Amino acid sequence: MFDQLYKSFGVRGLEFSDTVLAARGKDVFMRGYMAPPLKPESNFFVLTRQPLALCPFCQSDADWPVDIVVVYMKNASVLVSAGEPIVAAGRLEVGSWTDPETGFVSQIRIVDASFRRG
């Protein structure tokens, strides 16, 4: 699904794909990799297309991959190694949103989520 997140990357910014807009508010699942977390247990993580070697929170915005999805889980959980594939499942939210607790800005989120290895 990472290939289907955005329709275009133009001078006006990112434009969500028709697939993502049609799935807004619906239950979805995505395969990917958990970016290295800030702490071993958390209620959110960043899902990436490929494993990241470095903590994305420790880099500038310019270093972030464009095609990331923030996953907010129902409950805090012990997170997995950054190189291990996972499947995240939950409700898709689309549009710019700032997490009031962390200040992290996201464009696409999976909320009320859970994940499994694989």
PDB file of N, CA and C in Angstrom:
ATOM      1  N   MET A   1       0.814  -1.199   0.000  1.00  0.00           N
ATOM      2  CA  MET A   1       0.000   0.000   0.000  1.00  0.00           C
ATOM      3  C   MET A   1       0.861   1.267   0.000  1.00  0.00           C
ATOM      4  N   PHE A   2       2.146   1.143   0.345  1.00  0.00           N
ATOM      5  CA  PHE A   2       3.003   2.325   0.358  1.00  0.00           C
ATOM      6  C   PHE A   2       3.031   3.003  -1.005  1.00  0.00           C
ATOM      7  N   ASP A   3       2.971   2.194  -2.077  1.00  0.00           N
ATOM      8  CA  ASP A   3       2.967   2.749  -3.434  1.00  0.00           C
ATOM      9  C   ASP A   3       1.694   3.525  -3.742  1.00  0.00           C
ATOM     10  N   GLN A   4       0.653   3.324  -2.948  1.00  0.00           N
ATOM     11  CA  GLN A   4      -0.651   3.926  -3.226  1.00  0.00           C
ATOM     12  C   GLN A   4      -1.019   5.055  -2.263  1.00  0.00           C
ATOM     13  N   LEU A   5      -0.081   5.546  -1.472  1.00  0.00           N
ATOM     14  CA  LEU A   5      -0.406   6.590  -0.499  1.00  0.00           C
ATOM     15  C   LEU A   5      -0.684   7.933  -1.159  1.00  0.00           C
ATOM     16  N   TYR A   6       0.145   8.313  -2.128  1.00  0.00           N
ATOM     17  CA  TYR A   6       0.029   9.638  -2.729  1.00  0.00           C
ATOM     18  C   TYR A   6      -0.123   9.551  -4.238  1.00  0.00           C
ATOM     19  N   LYS A   7      -0.903  10.453  -4.781  1.00  0.00           N
ATOM     20  CA  LYS A   7      -1.121  10.543  -6.218  1.00  0.00           C
ATOM     21  C   LYS A   7       0.017  11.306  -6.873  1.00  0.00           C
ATOM     22  N   SER A   8       0.459  12.391  -6.200  1.00  0.00           N
ATOM     23  CA  SER A   8       1.523  13.202  -6.775  1.00  0.00           C
ATOM     24  C   SER A   8       2.322  13.901  -5.687  1.00  0.00           C
ATOM     25  N   PHE A   9       3.547  14.289  -6.062  1.00  0.00           N
ATOM     26  CA  PHE A   9       4.459  15.038  -5.204  1.00  0.00           C
ATOM     27  C   PHE A   9       4.843  16.302  -5.966  1.00  0.00           C
ATOM     28  N   GLY A  10       3.933  17.243  -6.097  1.00  0.00           N
ATOM     29  CA  GLY A  10       4.191  18.427  -6.905  1.00  0.00           C
ATOM     30  C   GLY A  10       4.571  19.634  -6.081  1.00  0.00           C
ATOM     31  N   VAL A  11       4.621  20.779  -6.743  1.00  0.00           N
ATOM     32  CA  VAL A  11       4.970  22.032  -6.073  1.00  0.00           C
ATOM     33  C   VAL A  11       3.915  22.429  -5.045  1.00  0.00           C
ATOM     34  N   ARG A  12       2.711  21.907  -5.189  1.00  0.00           N
ATOM     35  CA  ARG A  12       1.651  22.193  -4.216  1.00  0.00           C
ATOM     36  C   ARG A  12       1.674  21.227  -3.045  1.00  0.00           C
ATOM     37  N   GLY A  13       2.686  20.372  -3.016  1.00  0.00           N
ATOM     38  CA  GLY A  13       2.808  19.415  -1.926  1.00  0.00           C
ATOM     39  C   GLY A  13       2.310  18.043  -2.318  1.00  0.00           C
ATOM     40  N   LEU A  14       2.024  17.256  -1.305  1.00  0.00           N
ATOM     41  CA  LEU A  14       1.568  15.891  -1.517  1.00  0.00           C
ATOM     42  C   LEU A  14       0.068  15.867  -1.770  1.00  0.00           C
ATOM     43  N   GLU A  15      -0.352  15.049  -2.697  1.00  0.00           N
ATOM     44  CA  GLU A  15      -1.772  14.863  -2.964  1.00  0.00           C
ATOM     45  C   GLU A  15      -2.099  13.395  -2.696  1.00  0.00           C
ATOM     46  N   PHE A  16      -3.042  13.161  -1.777  1.00  0.00           N
ATOM     47  CA  PHE A  16      -3.409  11.794  -1.423  1.00  0.00           C
ATOM     48  C   PHE A  16      -3.984  11.069  -2.626  1.00  0.00           C
ATOM     49  N   SER A  17      -3.728   9.761  -2.708  1.00  0.00           N
ATOM     50  CA  SER A  17      -4.257   8.965  -3.809  1.00  0.00           C
ATOM     51  C   SER A  17      -5.755   8.727  -3.614  1.00  0.00           C
ATOM     52  N   ASP A  18      -6.430   8.374  -4.691  1.00  0.00           N
ATOM     53  CA  ASP A  18      -7.851   8.036  -4.619  1.00  0.00           C
ATOM     54  C   ASP A  18      -8.060   6.823  -3.719  1.00  0.00           C
ATOM     55  N   THR A  19      -7.123   5.882  -3.735  1.00  0.00           N
ATOM     56  CA  THR A  19      -7.205   4.686  -2.896  1.00  0.00           C
ATOM     57  C   THR A  19      -7.216   5.057  -1.423  1.00  0.00           C
ATOM     58  N   VAL A  20      -6.313   5.951  -1.025  1.00  0.00           N
ATOM     59  CA  VAL A  20      -6.234   6.381   0.374  1.00  0.00           C
ATOM     60  C   VAL A  20      -7.495   7.153   0.763  1.00  0.00           C
ATOM     61  N   LEU A  21      -7.936   8.054  -0.099  1.00  0.00           N
ATOM     62  CA  LEU A  21      -9.140   8.832   0.217  1.00  0.00           C
ATOM     63  C   LEU A  21     -10.366   7.928   0.345  1.00  0.00           C
ATOM     64  N   ALA A  22     -10.457   6.888  -0.479  1.00  0.00           N
ATOM     65  CA  ALA A  22     -11.586   5.959  -0.413  1.00  0.00           C
ATOM     66  C   ALA A  22     -11.543   5.113   0.859  1.00  0.00           C
ATOM     67  N   ALA A  23     -10.347   4.878   1.401  1.00  0.00           N
ATOM     68  CA  ALA A  23     -10.200   4.058   2.606  1.00  0.00           C
ATOM     69  C   ALA A  23     -10.282   4.873   3.895  1.00  0.00           C
ATOM     70  N   ARG A  24     -10.366   6.192   3.788  1.00  0.00           N
ATOM     71  CA  ARG A  24     -10.433   7.061   4.973  1.00  0.00           C
ATOM     72  C   ARG A  24     -11.580   6.620   5.875  1.00  0.00           C
ATOM     73  N   GLY A  25     -11.274   6.430   7.161  1.00  0.00           N
ATOM     74  CA  GLY A  25     -12.284   6.043   8.146  1.00  0.00           C
ATOM     75  C   GLY A  25     -12.594   4.558   8.174  1.00  0.00           C
ATOM     76  N   LYS A  26     -11.973   3.792   7.291  1.00  0.00           N
ATOM     77  CA  LYS A  26     -12.226   2.348   7.224  1.00  0.00           C
ATOM     78  C   LYS A  26     -11.087   1.578   7.878  1.00  0.00           C
ATOM     79  N   ASP A  27     -11.381   0.328   8.214  1.00  0.00           N
ATOM     80  CA  ASP A  27     -10.348  -0.549   8.757  1.00  0.00           C
ATOM     81  C   ASP A  27      -9.419  -0.983   7.631  1.00  0.00           C
ATOM     82  N   VAL A  28      -8.121  -0.878   7.880  1.00  0.00           N
ATOM     83  CA  VAL A  28      -7.106  -1.240   6.893  1.00  0.00           C
ATOM     84  C   VAL A  28      -6.007  -2.037   7.586  1.00  0.00           C
ATOM     85  N   PHE A  29      -5.168  -2.655   6.783  1.00  0.00           N
ATOM     86  CA  PHE A  29      -3.937  -3.232   7.314  1.00  0.00           C
ATOM     87  C   PHE A  29      -2.815  -2.901   6.345  1.00  0.00           C
ATOM     88  N   MET A  30      -1.615  -2.730   6.895  1.00  0.00           N
ATOM     89  CA  MET A  30      -0.434  -2.415   6.091  1.00  0.00           C
ATOM     90  C   MET A  30       0.756  -3.218   6.576  1.00  0.00           C
ATOM     91  N   ARG A  31       1.501  -3.746   5.622  1.00  0.00           N
ATOM     92  CA  ARG A  31       2.755  -4.436   5.926  1.00  0.00           C
ATOM     93  C   ARG A  31       3.888  -3.419   5.826  1.00  0.00           C
ATOM     94  N   GLY A  32       4.848  -3.540   6.702  1.00  0.00           N
ATOM     95  CA  GLY A  32       5.992  -2.650   6.657  1.00  0.00           C
ATOM     96  C   GLY A  32       6.943  -2.951   7.791  1.00  0.00           C
ATOM     97  N   TYR A  33       7.669  -1.918   8.200  1.00  0.00           N
ATOM     98  CA  TYR A  33       8.673  -2.046   9.256  1.00  0.00           C
ATOM     99  C   TYR A  33       8.479  -0.934  10.274  1.00  0.00           C
ATOM    100  N   MET A  34       8.706  -1.270  11.515  1.00  0.00           N
ATOM    101  CA  MET A  34       8.615  -0.298  12.592  1.00  0.00           C
ATOM    102  C   MET A  34       9.925   0.494  12.616  1.00  0.00           C
ATOM    103  N   ALA A  35       9.829   1.803  12.503  1.00  0.00           N
ATOM    104  CA  ALA A  35      11.038   2.631  12.626  1.00  0.00           C
ATOM    105  C   ALA A  35      11.579   2.483  14.042  1.00  0.00           C
ATOM    106  N   PRO A  36      12.892   2.631  14.229  1.00  0.00           N
ATOM    107  CA  PRO A  36      13.447   2.513  15.580  1.00  0.00           C
ATOM    108  C   PRO A  36      12.713   3.443  16.548  1.00  0.00           C
ATOM    109  N   PRO A  37      12.149   2.893  17.609  1.00  0.00           N
ATOM    110  CA  PRO A  37      11.360   3.701  18.545  1.00  0.00           C
ATOM    111  C   PRO A  37      12.228   4.504  19.503  1.00  0.00           C
ATOM    112  N   LEU A  38      11.598   5.508  20.115  1.00  0.00           N
ATOM    113  CA  LEU A  38      12.285   6.315  21.129  1.00  0.00           C
ATOM    114  C   LEU A  38      12.464   5.530  22.423  1.00  0.00           C
ATOM    115  N   LYS A  39      11.522   4.642  22.724  1.00  0.00           N
ATOM    116  CA  LYS A  39      11.599   3.828  23.932  1.00  0.00           C
ATOM    117  C   LYS A  39      11.029   2.452  23.618  1.00  0.00           C
ATOM    118  N   PRO A  40      11.366   1.427  24.429  1.00  0.00           N
ATOM    119  CA  PRO A  40      10.982   0.063  24.092  1.00  0.00           C
ATOM    120  C   PRO A  40       9.473  -0.202  24.128  1.00  0.00           C
ATOM    121  N   GLU A  41       8.729   0.578  24.909  1.00  0.00           N
ATOM    122  CA  GLU A  41       7.283   0.394  24.975  1.00  0.00           C
ATOM    123  C   GLU A  41       6.611   1.725  24.688  1.00  0.00           C
ATOM    124  N   SER A  42       5.592   1.710  23.823  1.00  0.00           N
ATOM    125  CA  SER A  42       4.941   2.955  23.432  1.00  0.00           C
ATOM    126  C   SER A  42       3.541   2.660  22.922  1.00  0.00           C
ATOM    127  N   ASN A  43       2.744   3.725  22.768  1.00  0.00           N
ATOM    128  CA  ASN A  43       1.409   3.559  22.187  1.00  0.00           C
ATOM    129  C   ASN A  43       1.381   4.007  20.728  1.00  0.00           C
ATOM    130  N   PHE A  44       2.547   4.376  20.168  1.00  0.00           N
ATOM    131  CA  PHE A  44       2.598   4.712  18.744  1.00  0.00           C
ATOM    132  C   PHE A  44       3.979   4.387  18.180  1.00  0.00           C
ATOM    133  N   PHE A  45       4.002   4.247  16.851  1.00  0.00           N
ATOM    134  CA  PHE A  45       5.261   4.048  16.146  1.00  0.00           C
ATOM    135  C   PHE A  45       5.078   4.502  14.711  1.00  0.00           C
ATOM    136  N   VAL A  46       6.187   4.593  13.984  1.00  0.00           N
ATOM    137  CA  VAL A  46       6.166   4.980  12.579  1.00  0.00           C
ATOM    138  C   VAL A  46       6.371   3.725  11.742  1.00  0.00           C
ATOM    139  N   LEU A  47       5.453   3.504  10.794  1.00  0.00           N
ATOM    140  CA  LEU A  47       5.534   2.377   9.877  1.00  0.00           C
ATOM    141  C   LEU A  47       6.203   2.852   8.590  1.00  0.00           C
ATOM    142  N   THR A  48       7.220   2.121   8.145  1.00  0.00           N
ATOM    143  CA  THR A  48       7.974   2.503   6.955  1.00  0.00           C
ATOM    144  C   THR A  48       7.971   1.370   5.925  1.00  0.00           C
ATOM    145  N   ARG A  49       8.240   1.742   4.700  1.00  0.00           N
ATOM    146  CA  ARG A  49       8.290   0.772   3.587  1.00  0.00           C
ATOM    147  C   ARG A  49       9.458  -0.191   3.770  1.00  0.00           C
ATOM    148  N   GLN A  50      10.599   0.333   4.174  1.00  0.00           N
ATOM    149  CA  GLN A  50      11.809  -0.463   4.348  1.00  0.00           C
ATOM    150  C   GLN A  50      12.373  -0.185   5.728  1.00  0.00           C
ATOM    151  N   PRO A  51      13.165  -1.117   6.261  1.00  0.00           N
ATOM    152  CA  PRO A  51      13.757  -0.878   7.582  1.00  0.00           C
ATOM    153  C   PRO A  51      14.620   0.379   7.581  1.00  0.00           C
ATOM    154  N   LEU A  52      14.552   1.144   8.651  1.00  0.00           N
ATOM    155  CA  LEU A  52      15.416   2.319   8.834  1.00  0.00           C
ATOM    156  C   LEU A  52      16.490   1.968   9.844  1.00  0.00           C
ATOM    157  N   ALA A  53      17.703   2.392   9.582  1.00  0.00           N
ATOM    158  CA  ALA A  53      18.809   2.104  10.485  1.00  0.00           C
ATOM    159  C   ALA A  53      18.858   3.086  11.654  1.00  0.00           C
ATOM    160  N   LEU A  54      18.369   4.309  11.419  1.00  0.00           N
ATOM    161  CA  LEU A  54      18.450   5.344  12.443  1.00  0.00           C
ATOM    162  C   LEU A  54      17.063   5.729  12.936  1.00  0.00           C
ATOM    163  N   CYS A  55      17.017   6.236  14.121  1.00  0.00           N
ATOM    164  CA  CYS A  55      15.774   6.737  14.696  1.00  0.00           C
ATOM    165  C   CYS A  55      15.295   7.941  13.881  1.00  0.00           C
ATOM    166  N   PRO A  56      14.102   7.873  13.272  1.00  0.00           N
ATOM    167  CA  PRO A  56      13.648   8.998  12.457  1.00  0.00           C
ATOM    168  C   PRO A  56      13.349  10.242  13.288  1.00  0.00           C
ATOM    169  N   PHE A  57      13.066  10.073  14.572  1.00  0.00           N
ATOM    170  CA  PHE A  57      12.788  11.221  15.431  1.00  0.00           C
ATOM    171  C   PHE A  57      14.059  12.018  15.712  1.00  0.00           C
ATOM    172  N   CYS A  58      15.212  11.379  15.483  1.00  0.00           N
ATOM    173  CA  CYS A  58      16.492  12.029  15.747  1.00  0.00           C
ATOM    174  C   CYS A  58      17.037  12.744  14.515  1.00  0.00           C
ATOM    175  N   GLN A  59      16.301  12.718  13.398  1.00  0.00           N
ATOM    176  CA  GLN A  59      16.744  13.329  12.155  1.00  0.00           C
ATOM    177  C   GLN A  59      15.863  14.535  11.836  1.00  0.00           C
ATOM    178  N   SER A  60      16.324  15.349  10.923  1.00  0.00           N
ATOM    179  CA  SER A  60      15.511  16.486  10.493  1.00  0.00           C
ATOM    180  C   SER A  60      14.415  16.010   9.553  1.00  0.00           C
ATOM    181  N   ASP A  61      13.397  16.839   9.322  1.00  0.00           N
ATOM    182  CA  ASP A  61      12.304  16.500   8.424  1.00  0.00           C
ATOM    183  C   ASP A  61      12.799  16.141   7.034  1.00  0.00           C
ATOM    184  N   ALA A  62      13.880  16.770   6.592  1.00  0.00           N
ATOM    185  CA  ALA A  62      14.399  16.522   5.246  1.00  0.00           C
ATOM    186  C   ALA A  62      14.863  15.084   5.085  1.00  0.00           C
ATOM    187  N   ASP A  63      15.222  14.429   6.175  1.00  0.00           N
ATOM    188  CA  ASP A  63      15.719  13.069   6.109  1.00  0.00           C
ATOM    189  C   ASP A  63      14.614  12.014   6.206  1.00  0.00           C
ATOM    190  N   TRP A  64      13.397  12.421   6.508  1.00  0.00           N
ATOM    191  CA  TRP A  64      12.293  11.479   6.647  1.00  0.00           C
ATOM    192  C   TRP A  64      11.857  10.982   5.282  1.00  0.00           C
ATOM    193  N   PRO A  65      11.540   9.684   5.167  1.00  0.00           N
ATOM    194  CA  PRO A  65      10.901   9.223   3.939  1.00  0.00           C
ATOM    195  C   PRO A  65       9.513   9.871   3.843  1.00  0.00           C
ATOM    196  N   VAL A  66       9.051  10.142   2.651  1.00  0.00           N
ATOM    197  CA  VAL A  66       7.742  10.766   2.468  1.00  0.00           C
ATOM    198  C   VAL A  66       6.629   9.771   2.771  1.00  0.00           C
ATOM    199  N   ASP A  67       6.856   8.521   2.409  1.00  0.00           N
ATOM    200  CA  ASP A  67       5.806   7.515   2.532  1.00  0.00           C
ATOM    201  C   ASP A  67       5.865   6.775   3.869  1.00  0.00           C
ATOM    202  N   ILE A  68       5.562   7.484   4.936  1.00  0.00           N
ATOM    203  CA  ILE A  68       5.482   6.880   6.261  1.00  0.00           C
ATOM    204  C   ILE A  68       4.044   6.959   6.737  1.00  0.00           C
ATOM    205  N   VAL A  69       3.706   6.073   7.656  1.00  0.00           N
ATOM    206  CA  VAL A  69       2.383   6.070   8.268  1.00  0.00           C
ATOM    207  C   VAL A  69       2.602   5.983   9.772  1.00  0.00           C
ATOM    208  N   VAL A  70       1.962   6.865  10.530  1.00  0.00           N
ATOM    209  CA  VAL A  70       2.065   6.809  11.975  1.00  0.00           C
ATOM    210  C   VAL A  70       0.959   5.885  12.477  1.00  0.00           C
ATOM    211  N   VAL A  71       1.335   4.983  13.374  1.00  0.00           N
ATOM    212  CA  VAL A  71       0.393   4.004  13.910  1.00  0.00           C
ATOM    213  C   VAL A  71       0.185   4.293  15.391  1.00  0.00           C
ATOM    214  N   TYR A  72      -1.059   4.608  15.758  1.00  0.00           N
ATOM    215  CA  TYR A  72      -1.430   4.829  17.161  1.00  0.00           C
ATOM    216  C   TYR A  72      -2.207   3.617  17.644  1.00  0.00           C
ATOM    217  N   MET A  73      -1.647   2.905  18.600  1.00  0.00           N
ATOM    218  CA  MET A  73      -2.239   1.661  19.075  1.00  0.00           C
ATOM    219  C   MET A  73      -3.299   1.897  20.141  1.00  0.00           C
ATOM    220  N   LYS A  74      -4.169   0.898  20.285  1.00  0.00           N
ATOM    221  CA  LYS A  74      -5.202   0.942  21.322  1.00  0.00           C
ATOM    222  C   LYS A  74      -4.560   1.013  22.698  1.00  0.00           C
ATOM    223  N   ASN A  75      -3.496   0.251  22.886  1.00  0.00           N
ATOM    224  CA  ASN A  75      -2.805   0.173  24.172  1.00  0.00           C
ATOM    225  C   ASN A  75      -1.300   0.218  23.941  1.00  0.00           C
ATOM    226  N   ALA A  76      -0.573   0.698  24.936  1.00  0.00           N
ATOM    227  CA  ALA A  76       0.884   0.677  24.851  1.00  0.00           C
ATOM    228  C   ALA A  76       1.344  -0.769  24.716  1.00  0.00           C
ATOM    229  N   SER A  77       2.408  -0.966  23.960  1.00  0.00           N
ATOM    230  CA  SER A  77       2.894  -2.314  23.689  1.00  0.00           C
ATOM    231  C   SER A  77       4.408  -2.297  23.596  1.00  0.00           C
ATOM    232  N   VAL A  78       5.003  -3.448  23.833  1.00  0.00           N
ATOM    233  CA  VAL A  78       6.433  -3.605  23.610  1.00  0.00           C
ATOM    234  C   VAL A  78       6.639  -3.632  22.101  1.00  0.00           C
ATOM    235  N   LEU A  79       7.542  -2.820  21.597  1.00  0.00           N
ATOM    236  CA  LEU A  79       7.774  -2.705  20.168  1.00  0.00           C
ATOM    237  C   LEU A  79       8.806  -3.718  19.712  1.00  0.00           C
ATOM    238  N   VAL A  80       8.917  -3.917  18.400  1.00  0.00           N
ATOM    239  CA  VAL A  80       9.813  -4.939  17.856  1.00  0.00           C
ATOM    240  C   VAL A  80      11.031  -4.302  17.193  1.00  0.00           C
ATOM    241  N   SER A  81      11.972  -5.132  16.841  1.00  0.00           N
ATOM    242  CA  SER A  81      13.193  -4.691  16.168  1.00  0.00           C
ATOM    243  C   SER A  81      12.866  -4.015  14.842  1.00  0.00           C
ATOM    244  N   ALA A  82      13.620  -2.995  14.503  1.00  0.00           N
ATOM    245  CA  ALA A  82      13.371  -2.212  13.287  1.00  0.00           C
ATOM    246  C   ALA A  82      13.500  -3.034  12.015  1.00  0.00           C
ATOM    247  N   GLY A  83      14.228  -4.130  12.024  1.00  0.00           N
ATOM    248  CA  GLY A  83      14.415  -4.923  10.822  1.00  0.00           C
ATOM    249  C   GLY A  83      13.390  -6.028  10.640  1.00  0.00           C
ATOM    250  N   GLU A  84      12.457  -6.149  11.570  1.00  0.00           N
ATOM    251  CA  GLU A  84      11.481  -7.231  11.526  1.00  0.00           C
ATOM    252  C   GLU A  84      10.193  -6.771  10.843  1.00  0.00           C
ATOM    253  N   PRO A  85       9.723  -7.497   9.822  1.00  0.00           N
ATOM    254  CA  PRO A  85       8.484  -7.080   9.155  1.00  0.00           C
ATOM    255  C   PRO A  85       7.277  -7.257  10.080  1.00  0.00           C
ATOM    256  N   ILE A  86       6.321  -6.337   9.941  1.00  0.00           N
ATOM    257  CA  ILE A  86       5.099  -6.396  10.748  1.00  0.00           C
ATOM    258  C   ILE A  86       3.888  -6.086   9.859  1.00  0.00           C
ATOM    259  N   VAL A  87       2.722  -6.356  10.407  1.00  0.00           N
ATOM    260  CA  VAL A  87       1.466  -5.956   9.793  1.00  0.00           C
ATOM    261  C   VAL A  87       0.713  -5.145  10.843  1.00  0.00           C
ATOM    262  N   ALA A  88       0.391  -3.902  10.498  1.00  0.00           N
ATOM    263  CA  ALA A  88      -0.384  -3.030  11.388  1.00  0.00           C
ATOM    264  C   ALA A  88      -1.820  -2.989  10.879  1.00  0.00           C
ATOM    265  N   ALA A  89      -2.775  -3.022  11.798  1.00  0.00           N
ATOM    266  CA  ALA A  89      -4.191  -2.991  11.429  1.00  0.00           C
ATOM    267  C   ALA A  89      -4.928  -1.999  12.307  1.00  0.00           C
ATOM    268  N   GLY A  90      -5.859  -1.252  11.717  1.00  0.00           N
ATOM    269  CA  GLY A  90      -6.650  -0.279  12.453  1.00  0.00           C
ATOM    270  C   GLY A  90      -7.418   0.597  11.482  1.00  0.00           C
ATOM    271  N   ARG A  91      -7.942   1.713  11.973  1.00  0.00           N
ATOM    272  CA  ARG A  91      -8.749   2.639  11.167  1.00  0.00           C
ATOM    273  C   ARG A  91      -7.856   3.720  10.550  1.00  0.00           C
ATOM    274  N   LEU A  92      -8.040   3.972   9.263  1.00  0.00           N
ATOM    275  CA  LEU A  92      -7.211   4.939   8.544  1.00  0.00           C
ATOM    276  C   LEU A  92      -7.727   6.359   8.729  1.00  0.00           C
ATOM    277  N   GLU A  93      -6.828   7.267   9.115  1.00  0.00           N
ATOM    278  CA  GLU A  93      -7.104   8.702   9.175  1.00  0.00           C
ATOM    279  C   GLU A  93      -6.180   9.399   8.188  1.00  0.00           C
ATOM    280  N   VAL A  94      -6.714  10.406   7.499  1.00  0.00           N
ATOM    281  CA  VAL A  94      -5.965  11.109   6.460  1.00  0.00           C
ATOM    282  C   VAL A  94      -6.079  12.613   6.688  1.00  0.00           C
ATOM    283  N   GLY A  95      -4.973  13.321   6.508  1.00  0.00           N
ATOM    284  CA  GLY A  95      -4.946  14.769   6.659  1.00  0.00           C
ATOM    285  C   GLY A  95      -3.962  15.169   7.729  1.00  0.00           C
ATOM    286  N   SER A  96      -3.452  16.377   7.628  1.00  0.00           N
ATOM    287  CA  SER A  96      -2.458  16.849   8.577  1.00  0.00           C
ATOM    288  C   SER A  96      -3.041  16.903   9.994  1.00  0.00           C
ATOM    289  N   TRP A  97      -2.287  16.350  10.943  1.00  0.00           N
ATOM    290  CA  TRP A  97      -2.706  16.344  12.342  1.00  0.00           C
ATOM    291  C   TRP A  97      -1.466  16.411  13.210  1.00  0.00           C
ATOM    292  N   THR A  98      -1.528  17.215  14.265  1.00  0.00           N
ATOM    293  CA  THR A  98      -0.418  17.347  15.205  1.00  0.00           C
ATOM    294  C   THR A  98      -0.786  16.656  16.505  1.00  0.00           C
ATOM    295  N   ASP A  99       0.025  15.703  16.911  1.00  0.00           N
ATOM    296  CA  ASP A  99      -0.191  14.993  18.166  1.00  0.00           C
ATOM    297  C   ASP A  99       0.024  15.984  19.308  1.00  0.00           C
ATOM    298  N   PRO A 100      -0.989  16.232  20.140  1.00  0.00           N
ATOM    299  CA  PRO A 100      -0.843  17.229  21.204  1.00  0.00           C
ATOM    300  C   PRO A 100       0.185  16.843  22.263  1.00  0.00           C
ATOM    301  N   GLU A 101       0.445  15.550  22.407  1.00  0.00           N
ATOM    302  CA  GLU A 101       1.383  15.089  23.426  1.00  0.00           C
ATOM    303  C   GLU A 101       2.837  15.192  22.966  1.00  0.00           C
ATOM    304  N   THR A 102       3.093  14.861  21.698  1.00  0.00           N
ATOM    305  CA  THR A 102       4.483  14.817  21.216  1.00  0.00           C
ATOM    306  C   THR A 102       4.829  15.958  20.270  1.00  0.00           C
ATOM    307  N   GLY A 103       3.817  16.613  19.669  1.00  0.00           N
ATOM    308  CA  GLY A 103       4.061  17.643  18.670  1.00  0.00           C
ATOM    309  C   GLY A 103       4.378  17.076  17.300  1.00  0.00           C
ATOM    310  N   PHE A 104       4.350  15.749  17.172  1.00  0.00           N
ATOM    311  CA  PHE A 104       4.652  15.079  15.910  1.00  0.00           C
ATOM    312  C   PHE A 104       3.527  15.329  14.911  1.00  0.00           C
ATOM    313  N   VAL A 105       3.873  15.780  13.699  1.00  0.00           N
ATOM    314  CA  VAL A 105       2.888  16.062  12.656  1.00  0.00           C
ATOM    315  C   VAL A 105       2.852  14.887  11.687  1.00  0.00           C
ATOM    316  N   SER A 106       1.648  14.406  11.394  1.00  0.00           N
ATOM    317  CA  SER A 106       1.505  13.298  10.450  1.00  0.00           C
ATOM    318  C   SER A 106       0.457  13.633   9.402  1.00  0.00           C
ATOM    319  N   GLN A 107       0.560  12.982   8.259  1.00  0.00           N
ATOM    320  CA  GLN A 107      -0.391  13.138   7.165  1.00  0.00           C
ATOM    321  C   GLN A 107      -1.338  11.953   7.068  1.00  0.00           C
ATOM    322  N   ILE A 108      -0.816  10.758   7.357  1.00  0.00           N
ATOM    323  CA  ILE A 108      -1.592   9.529   7.278  1.00  0.00           C
ATOM    324  C   ILE A 108      -1.340   8.744   8.559  1.00  0.00           C
ATOM    325  N   ARG A 109      -2.439   8.278   9.181  1.00  0.00           N
ATOM    326  CA  ARG A 109      -2.335   7.545  10.431  1.00  0.00           C
ATOM    327  C   ARG A 109      -3.239   6.318  10.413  1.00  0.00           C
ATOM    328  N   ILE A 110      -2.806   5.302  11.127  1.00  0.00           N
ATOM    329  CA  ILE A 110      -3.669   4.169  11.449  1.00  0.00           C
ATOM    330  C   ILE A 110      -3.898   4.257  12.950  1.00  0.00           C
ATOM    331  N   VAL A 111      -5.161   4.371  13.365  1.00  0.00           N
ATOM    332  CA  VAL A 111      -5.487   4.568  14.776  1.00  0.00           C
ATOM    333  C   VAL A 111      -6.280   3.371  15.311  1.00  0.00           C
ATOM    334  N   ASP A 112      -6.392   3.330  16.655  1.00  0.00           N
ATOM    335  CA  ASP A 112      -7.032   2.187  17.317  1.00  0.00           C
ATOM    336  C   ASP A 112      -6.430   0.897  16.767  1.00  0.00           C
ATOM    337  N   ALA A 113      -5.115   0.896  16.667  1.00  0.00           N
ATOM    338  CA  ALA A 113      -4.399  -0.124  15.922  1.00  0.00           C
ATOM    339  C   ALA A 113      -3.825  -1.215  16.823  1.00  0.00           C
ATOM    340  N   SER A 114      -3.444  -2.276  16.162  1.00  0.00           N
ATOM    341  CA  SER A 114      -2.656  -3.347  16.735  1.00  0.00           C
ATOM    342  C   SER A 114      -1.659  -3.778  15.661  1.00  0.00           C
ATOM    343  N   PHE A 115      -0.690  -4.573  16.033  1.00  0.00           N
ATOM    344  CA  PHE A 115       0.246  -5.081  15.033  1.00  0.00           C
ATOM    345  C   PHE A 115       0.631  -6.504  15.390  1.00  0.00           C
ATOM    346  N   ARG A 116       1.119  -7.193  14.380  1.00  0.00           N
ATOM    347  CA  ARG A 116       1.647  -8.547  14.567  1.00  0.00           C
ATOM    348  C   ARG A 116       2.907  -8.685  13.726  1.00  0.00           C
ATOM    349  N   ARG A 117       3.755  -9.574  14.135  1.00  0.00           N
ATOM    350  CA  ARG A 117       4.957  -9.858  13.352  1.00  0.00           C
ATOM    351  C   ARG A 117       4.546 -10.536  12.057  1.00  0.00           C
ATOM    352  N   GLY A 118       5.334 -10.295  11.008  1.00  0.00           N
ATOM    353  CA  GLY A 118       5.053 -11.014   9.778  1.00  0.00           C
ATOM    354  C   GLY A 118       4.918 -10.154   8.614  1.00  0.00           C
TER     355      GLY A 118
END
